[in-house]
Every structure is written in C-alpha cells, then in structure tokens.
N, C-alpha and C. Protein backbone atom coordinates (compact mmCIF):
# COMPACT_ATOMS: atom_id res chain seq x y z
N MET A 1 70.92 103.56 136.61
CA MET A 1 72.11 102.75 136.64
C MET A 1 72.81 102.58 137.91
N SER A 2 73.01 100.98 138.53
CA SER A 2 73.38 101.21 139.47
C SER A 2 75.08 101.47 139.51
N GLU A 3 75.60 101.33 140.76
CA GLU A 3 77.03 101.33 140.84
C GLU A 3 77.81 100.29 140.56
N THR A 4 76.96 98.95 140.76
CA THR A 4 77.39 97.88 140.18
C THR A 4 77.48 97.61 138.85
N ASP A 5 76.43 98.18 137.98
CA ASP A 5 76.09 97.98 136.20
C ASP A 5 77.83 98.78 135.70
N PRO A 6 78.23 97.68 134.64
CA PRO A 6 79.28 98.26 133.83
C PRO A 6 79.40 99.73 133.17
N THR A 7 79.89 100.19 133.07
CA THR A 7 79.98 101.38 132.34
C THR A 7 80.45 101.27 131.09
N ARG A 8 79.93 102.12 130.16
CA ARG A 8 80.04 102.25 128.43
C ARG A 8 81.63 101.64 128.36
N LEU A 9 82.56 102.68 129.02
CA LEU A 9 83.94 102.39 128.80
C LEU A 9 83.86 100.95 129.29
N ALA A 10 84.11 100.36 130.35
CA ALA A 10 84.29 99.04 130.79
C ALA A 10 83.74 97.86 129.57
N LEU A 11 82.46 98.16 128.91
CA LEU A 11 82.16 97.30 128.16
C LEU A 11 82.66 97.30 126.97
N LEU A 12 83.06 98.68 126.49
CA LEU A 12 84.23 99.02 125.01
C LEU A 12 85.52 98.36 125.59
N ARG A 13 85.97 98.42 126.84
CA ARG A 13 87.50 97.73 127.00
C ARG A 13 87.38 96.21 127.07
N PHE A 14 86.30 95.66 127.42
CA PHE A 14 85.72 94.23 127.70
C PHE A 14 85.91 93.56 125.67
N VAL A 15 85.11 94.65 124.93
CA VAL A 15 85.25 94.43 123.40
C VAL A 15 86.66 94.32 122.85
N GLU A 16 87.16 95.53 123.52
CA GLU A 16 88.52 95.33 123.00
C GLU A 16 89.48 94.19 123.13
N ARG A 17 89.60 93.77 124.31
CA ARG A 17 90.24 92.63 124.75
C ARG A 17 89.71 91.30 124.14
N VAL A 18 88.56 91.25 124.04
CA VAL A 18 88.12 90.26 123.04
C VAL A 18 88.54 89.97 121.47
N GLN A 19 88.33 91.01 121.11
CA GLN A 19 88.78 91.55 119.66
C GLN A 19 90.35 91.23 119.19
N LEU A 20 91.21 91.71 120.57
CA LEU A 20 92.74 91.21 120.31
C LEU A 20 93.07 89.76 120.59
N ARG A 21 92.05 89.45 121.53
CA ARG A 21 92.30 87.55 121.51
C ARG A 21 92.05 87.01 120.25
N ASP A 22 91.09 87.31 119.51
CA ASP A 22 90.54 87.14 118.11
C ASP A 22 91.31 87.59 117.08
N LEU A 23 91.94 88.56 116.96
CA LEU A 23 93.23 88.89 116.39
C LEU A 23 94.13 88.23 116.28
N ALA A 24 94.70 87.97 117.59
CA ALA A 24 96.10 87.04 118.28
C ALA A 24 96.00 85.79 117.31
N ARG A 25 94.37 85.42 117.79
CA ARG A 25 94.11 83.87 117.16
C ARG A 25 94.26 83.75 115.56
N THR A 26 93.79 84.95 115.12
CA THR A 26 93.57 84.76 113.60
C THR A 26 95.37 84.90 113.00
N ARG A 27 95.89 85.62 113.63
CA ARG A 27 97.32 85.76 113.02
C ARG A 27 98.24 84.30 113.17
N ARG A 28 98.12 83.64 114.31
CA ARG A 28 98.38 82.27 114.60
C ARG A 28 97.99 81.46 113.11
N TRP A 29 96.54 81.56 113.18
CA TRP A 29 96.23 80.85 111.57
C TRP A 29 97.14 81.22 110.19
N ILE A 30 97.08 82.58 110.33
CA ILE A 30 97.96 83.00 109.11
C ILE A 30 99.11 82.37 109.16
N ALA A 31 100.11 82.54 110.19
CA ALA A 31 101.48 82.09 110.27
C ALA A 31 101.61 80.40 110.16
N ASP A 32 100.54 79.92 110.75
CA ASP A 32 100.30 78.03 110.74
C ASP A 32 100.16 77.96 109.07
N GLU A 33 99.27 78.75 108.21
CA GLU A 33 98.96 78.49 106.71
C GLU A 33 100.37 78.75 106.22
N GLU A 34 101.06 79.91 106.58
CA GLU A 34 102.12 80.70 105.60
C GLU A 34 103.17 79.28 105.77
N ARG A 35 103.27 79.05 106.93
CA ARG A 35 104.32 77.51 107.28
C ARG A 35 104.00 76.36 106.37
N LEU A 36 102.70 75.83 106.59
CA LEU A 36 102.26 74.94 105.43
C LEU A 36 102.20 75.41 104.00
N GLN A 37 102.16 76.25 103.39
CA GLN A 37 102.18 76.74 102.01
C GLN A 37 103.96 76.85 101.83
N ALA A 38 104.47 76.72 102.46
CA ALA A 38 106.66 76.92 102.37
C ALA A 38 106.55 75.48 102.37
N GLU A 39 106.01 74.64 103.43
CA GLU A 39 106.56 73.30 103.54
C GLU A 39 105.96 72.98 101.97
N ARG A 40 104.72 72.63 101.59
CA ARG A 40 104.31 72.34 100.26
C ARG A 40 105.34 72.34 98.98
N ARG A 41 105.79 74.07 99.17
CA ARG A 41 106.37 74.59 97.92
C ARG A 41 107.90 73.81 98.28
N ARG A 42 108.35 73.85 99.48
CA ARG A 42 109.80 73.13 99.27
C ARG A 42 109.82 71.80 99.10
N GLY A 43 108.77 70.95 99.68
CA GLY A 43 108.52 69.76 99.15
C GLY A 43 108.34 69.53 97.35
N ALA A 44 107.73 70.41 96.94
CA ALA A 44 107.53 69.83 95.64
C ALA A 44 108.51 70.41 94.96
N GLU A 45 109.59 71.62 95.50
CA GLU A 45 110.61 71.40 94.52
C GLU A 45 112.05 71.11 94.97
N GLU A 46 112.07 69.98 96.11
CA GLU A 46 112.84 69.01 96.63
C GLU A 46 112.39 67.37 95.96
N LYS A 47 111.35 67.26 95.50
CA LYS A 47 110.40 66.29 94.94
C LYS A 47 111.44 65.58 93.67
N PRO A 48 111.93 64.28 93.92
CA PRO A 48 112.55 64.13 92.68
C PRO A 48 111.77 63.95 91.22
N PRO A 49 112.33 64.09 89.76
CA PRO A 49 111.63 64.05 89.11
C PRO A 49 111.19 62.43 88.97
N PRO A 50 109.96 62.28 88.16
CA PRO A 50 109.52 61.03 87.91
C PRO A 50 110.92 60.21 86.88
N PRO A 51 111.13 58.84 87.13
CA PRO A 51 111.88 58.16 86.32
C PRO A 51 111.42 58.15 84.86
N ASP A 52 112.34 57.86 84.09
CA ASP A 52 111.74 58.15 82.40
C ASP A 52 110.76 56.83 82.22
N TRP A 53 111.12 55.75 83.21
CA TRP A 53 110.73 54.26 82.73
C TRP A 53 109.98 53.62 83.83
N LEU A 54 109.27 52.74 83.54
CA LEU A 54 108.73 52.18 85.06
C LEU A 54 108.37 50.62 84.28
N LEU A 55 108.58 49.98 85.67
CA LEU A 55 108.46 48.38 85.33
C LEU A 55 107.35 47.86 86.27
N GLU A 56 106.18 47.79 86.20
CA GLU A 56 105.11 47.02 87.05
C GLU A 56 105.54 45.62 87.38
N GLN A 57 105.36 45.30 88.41
CA GLN A 57 105.57 43.91 89.29
C GLN A 57 104.54 43.19 89.22
N GLY A 58 104.46 42.17 88.92
CA GLY A 58 103.30 41.34 89.35
C GLY A 58 102.66 41.24 90.63
N LEU A 59 101.95 40.78 90.78
CA LEU A 59 101.43 40.68 92.30
C LEU A 59 101.94 40.03 93.59
N ASN A 60 102.81 39.57 92.99
CA ASN A 60 103.83 39.14 94.25
C ASN A 60 104.99 38.97 93.97
N LYS A 61 106.20 38.71 94.63
CA LYS A 61 107.68 38.83 94.13
C LYS A 61 108.11 37.58 93.47
N SER A 62 107.12 36.32 93.29
CA SER A 62 107.58 35.41 92.04
C SER A 62 106.72 35.78 91.03
N SER A 63 106.12 36.65 90.53
CA SER A 63 105.49 36.79 89.54
C SER A 63 106.17 37.63 88.49
N PRO A 64 106.08 37.28 87.35
CA PRO A 64 106.87 38.38 86.64
C PRO A 64 106.20 39.39 86.12
N PRO A 65 106.88 40.52 85.77
CA PRO A 65 106.40 41.83 85.77
C PRO A 65 105.29 41.89 84.62
N VAL A 66 104.37 43.05 84.63
CA VAL A 66 103.03 42.85 83.87
C VAL A 66 103.04 43.88 82.72
N TYR A 67 104.02 45.27 82.93
CA TYR A 67 103.70 46.25 82.06
C TYR A 67 105.05 46.63 82.13
N VAL A 68 105.62 47.49 81.19
CA VAL A 68 106.35 48.45 81.45
C VAL A 68 105.98 49.77 80.69
N HIS A 69 105.91 50.96 81.48
CA HIS A 69 105.42 52.22 81.39
C HIS A 69 106.22 53.21 81.36
N LEU A 70 105.69 54.80 80.98
CA LEU A 70 106.50 55.58 80.59
C LEU A 70 106.49 56.07 81.81
N GLY A 71 107.49 57.07 82.62
CA GLY A 71 107.50 57.46 83.83
C GLY A 71 106.70 57.94 84.45
N ASP A 72 105.62 58.48 83.84
CA ASP A 72 104.57 59.74 84.13
C ASP A 72 103.05 59.15 83.49
N CYS A 73 103.37 57.42 83.65
CA CYS A 73 102.02 57.44 82.75
C CYS A 73 100.65 57.01 84.21
N TRP A 74 99.85 57.70 83.75
CA TRP A 74 98.64 57.46 84.87
C TRP A 74 98.27 56.43 85.22
N ASN A 75 98.43 55.22 84.33
CA ASN A 75 98.06 53.98 84.79
C ASN A 75 98.60 52.62 85.13
N ALA A 76 100.21 53.34 86.16
CA ALA A 76 100.99 52.44 86.22
C ALA A 76 100.58 52.20 87.65
N GLY A 77 100.71 51.07 87.93
CA GLY A 77 100.28 50.43 89.51
C GLY A 77 101.32 50.55 90.65
N LYS A 78 101.04 50.85 91.64
CA LYS A 78 101.33 51.13 92.56
C LYS A 78 102.71 50.04 93.11
N ARG A 79 102.86 48.95 92.59
CA ARG A 79 104.16 47.95 92.16
C ARG A 79 104.84 48.37 91.25
N SER A 80 104.96 49.81 90.82
CA SER A 80 106.05 50.07 89.77
C SER A 80 107.26 50.52 90.32
N LYS A 81 108.50 49.92 89.38
CA LYS A 81 109.39 50.72 90.06
C LYS A 81 110.53 51.72 88.73
N GLY A 82 111.02 52.32 88.79
CA GLY A 82 111.76 53.08 88.15
C GLY A 82 112.87 52.05 87.51
N ILE A 83 113.27 52.51 86.08
CA ILE A 83 114.05 51.45 85.55
C ILE A 83 114.84 52.45 84.16
N GLU A 84 115.93 52.04 84.05
CA GLU A 84 116.77 52.89 82.53
C GLU A 84 115.95 52.08 81.69
N ARG A 85 116.57 53.19 80.66
CA ARG A 85 116.18 52.85 79.01
C ARG A 85 116.39 51.96 78.41
N GLU A 86 117.32 51.15 78.92
CA GLU A 86 117.64 49.91 78.31
C GLU A 86 117.07 48.72 79.05
N GLN A 87 116.84 49.02 80.43
CA GLN A 87 116.32 47.66 81.37
C GLN A 87 114.56 47.84 80.47
N ALA A 88 114.10 49.25 80.07
CA ALA A 88 112.94 49.05 79.46
C ALA A 88 112.96 48.14 78.14
N ARG A 89 113.98 48.80 77.36
CA ARG A 89 113.95 47.75 76.13
C ARG A 89 114.31 46.11 76.28
N ASN A 90 114.81 46.13 77.02
CA ASN A 90 115.35 44.87 77.17
C ASN A 90 113.76 43.63 77.85
N ALA A 91 113.26 44.75 78.60
CA ALA A 91 111.94 43.83 79.53
C ALA A 91 111.21 43.67 78.28
N ILE A 92 110.71 44.86 77.02
CA ILE A 92 109.80 44.62 75.89
C ILE A 92 110.39 43.46 74.81
N ALA A 93 111.33 43.40 75.04
CA ALA A 93 112.09 42.62 74.23
C ALA A 93 111.99 41.26 74.47
N GLU A 94 111.76 40.84 75.88
CA GLU A 94 111.73 39.65 76.77
C GLU A 94 110.38 38.91 76.72
N GLY A 95 109.48 40.17 76.33
CA GLY A 95 107.90 39.76 76.01
C GLY A 95 107.11 40.43 77.21
N VAL A 96 107.70 41.13 78.34
CA VAL A 96 106.54 42.06 78.88
C VAL A 96 105.98 42.94 78.14
N ARG A 97 104.63 42.87 78.13
CA ARG A 97 103.95 43.80 77.63
C ARG A 97 104.24 45.29 77.77
N ALA A 98 103.90 46.07 76.89
CA ALA A 98 103.83 47.59 76.64
C ALA A 98 102.70 48.21 77.33
N CYS A 99 102.71 48.86 78.05
CA CYS A 99 101.46 49.53 78.58
C CYS A 99 100.61 50.06 77.37
N PRO A 100 98.81 49.80 76.98
CA PRO A 100 98.48 50.08 75.89
C PRO A 100 98.32 51.52 76.30
N HIS A 101 98.27 52.25 77.04
CA HIS A 101 97.61 53.79 77.43
C HIS A 101 98.73 54.46 77.37
N CYS A 102 100.23 54.47 77.89
CA CYS A 102 101.28 55.40 77.43
C CYS A 102 102.19 54.97 76.49
N ARG A 103 102.22 53.44 75.84
CA ARG A 103 102.35 53.39 74.76
C ARG A 103 104.42 53.60 75.32
N PRO A 104 104.80 53.14 75.88
CA PRO A 104 106.20 53.13 75.53
C PRO A 104 107.19 52.21 74.72
N ASP A 105 106.62 51.79 74.26
CA ASP A 105 107.49 50.83 72.75
C ASP A 105 107.45 51.77 71.47
N SER A 106 106.18 52.81 71.68
CA SER A 106 106.61 53.73 70.53
C SER A 106 107.46 54.72 71.06
N ALA A 107 107.62 54.93 72.14
CA ALA A 107 108.46 56.27 72.49
C ALA A 107 109.87 55.55 72.43
N LEU A 108 109.90 53.84 72.94
CA LEU A 108 111.35 53.46 72.59
C LEU A 108 111.58 52.79 71.27
N ARG A 109 110.88 53.37 70.53
CA ARG A 109 110.93 52.61 68.81
C ARG A 109 111.14 51.32 68.44
N MET A 110 110.45 50.71 69.41
CA MET A 110 110.23 49.26 69.31
C MET A 110 108.88 48.49 68.70
N LEU A 111 108.26 49.36 67.91
CA LEU A 111 107.35 48.77 67.37
C LEU A 111 107.34 47.65 66.41
N ASP A 112 106.61 46.96 66.52
CA ASP A 112 106.60 45.55 65.35
C ASP A 112 106.55 46.38 63.78
C-alpha cells in the first residue's frame, strides 16, 4: 500500500459522510410526507359537507335544468349546484326530471 492510497479509516469516514447525507435526505422526505398528510387531513376536516340536493344545469345557461339529484349522487354532472329541499321539490313539481339513479323524488316523498 502506498502513502497516497486511502486508509481503511479514511474510507470508513467517507462511507459515514455518504450515509449521513442519505439519512438527512430521507428525514427531509419523511418531514415532507408528514406535512402533506397533515394538509390532506386538514383539508378533509375543513371540507364543507355536500349539499342535500343538487340541480343539474343544461349544457348552456339558457338550457333548462336536466335533473334533480341527492347531494351525494354518483351520477351528478359537473354542472350541478346545491339547492335547498323546497327548491328541489319545486323543480320536480315543475317538470325537472328526478335522477333515475339516486331517486330524489323518493327521498322527497313525491312519487306518483
């Protein structure tokens, strides 16, 4: 072994520095993930509850409404907005169709 060859101790110190750098990076990743999970949890806690009823609008602003849905209906379109119970009853009474999947007319006791 020549004088310029690294010693076993020098090699071990090098490995230690690499591992410390890797440990620091892993700890940053853990902190980032903990922060993201906390933000998701806070977002879920602060999210307002869905409306009880939805009115699905037509394709454009001049189109009549298409359906009345329950607030958690899986089939409600993106053009749906929350409405009150009386508005849902009035819409169905005025001829807006009740969603055939969630059946808001049953929940409103408005069956024929």
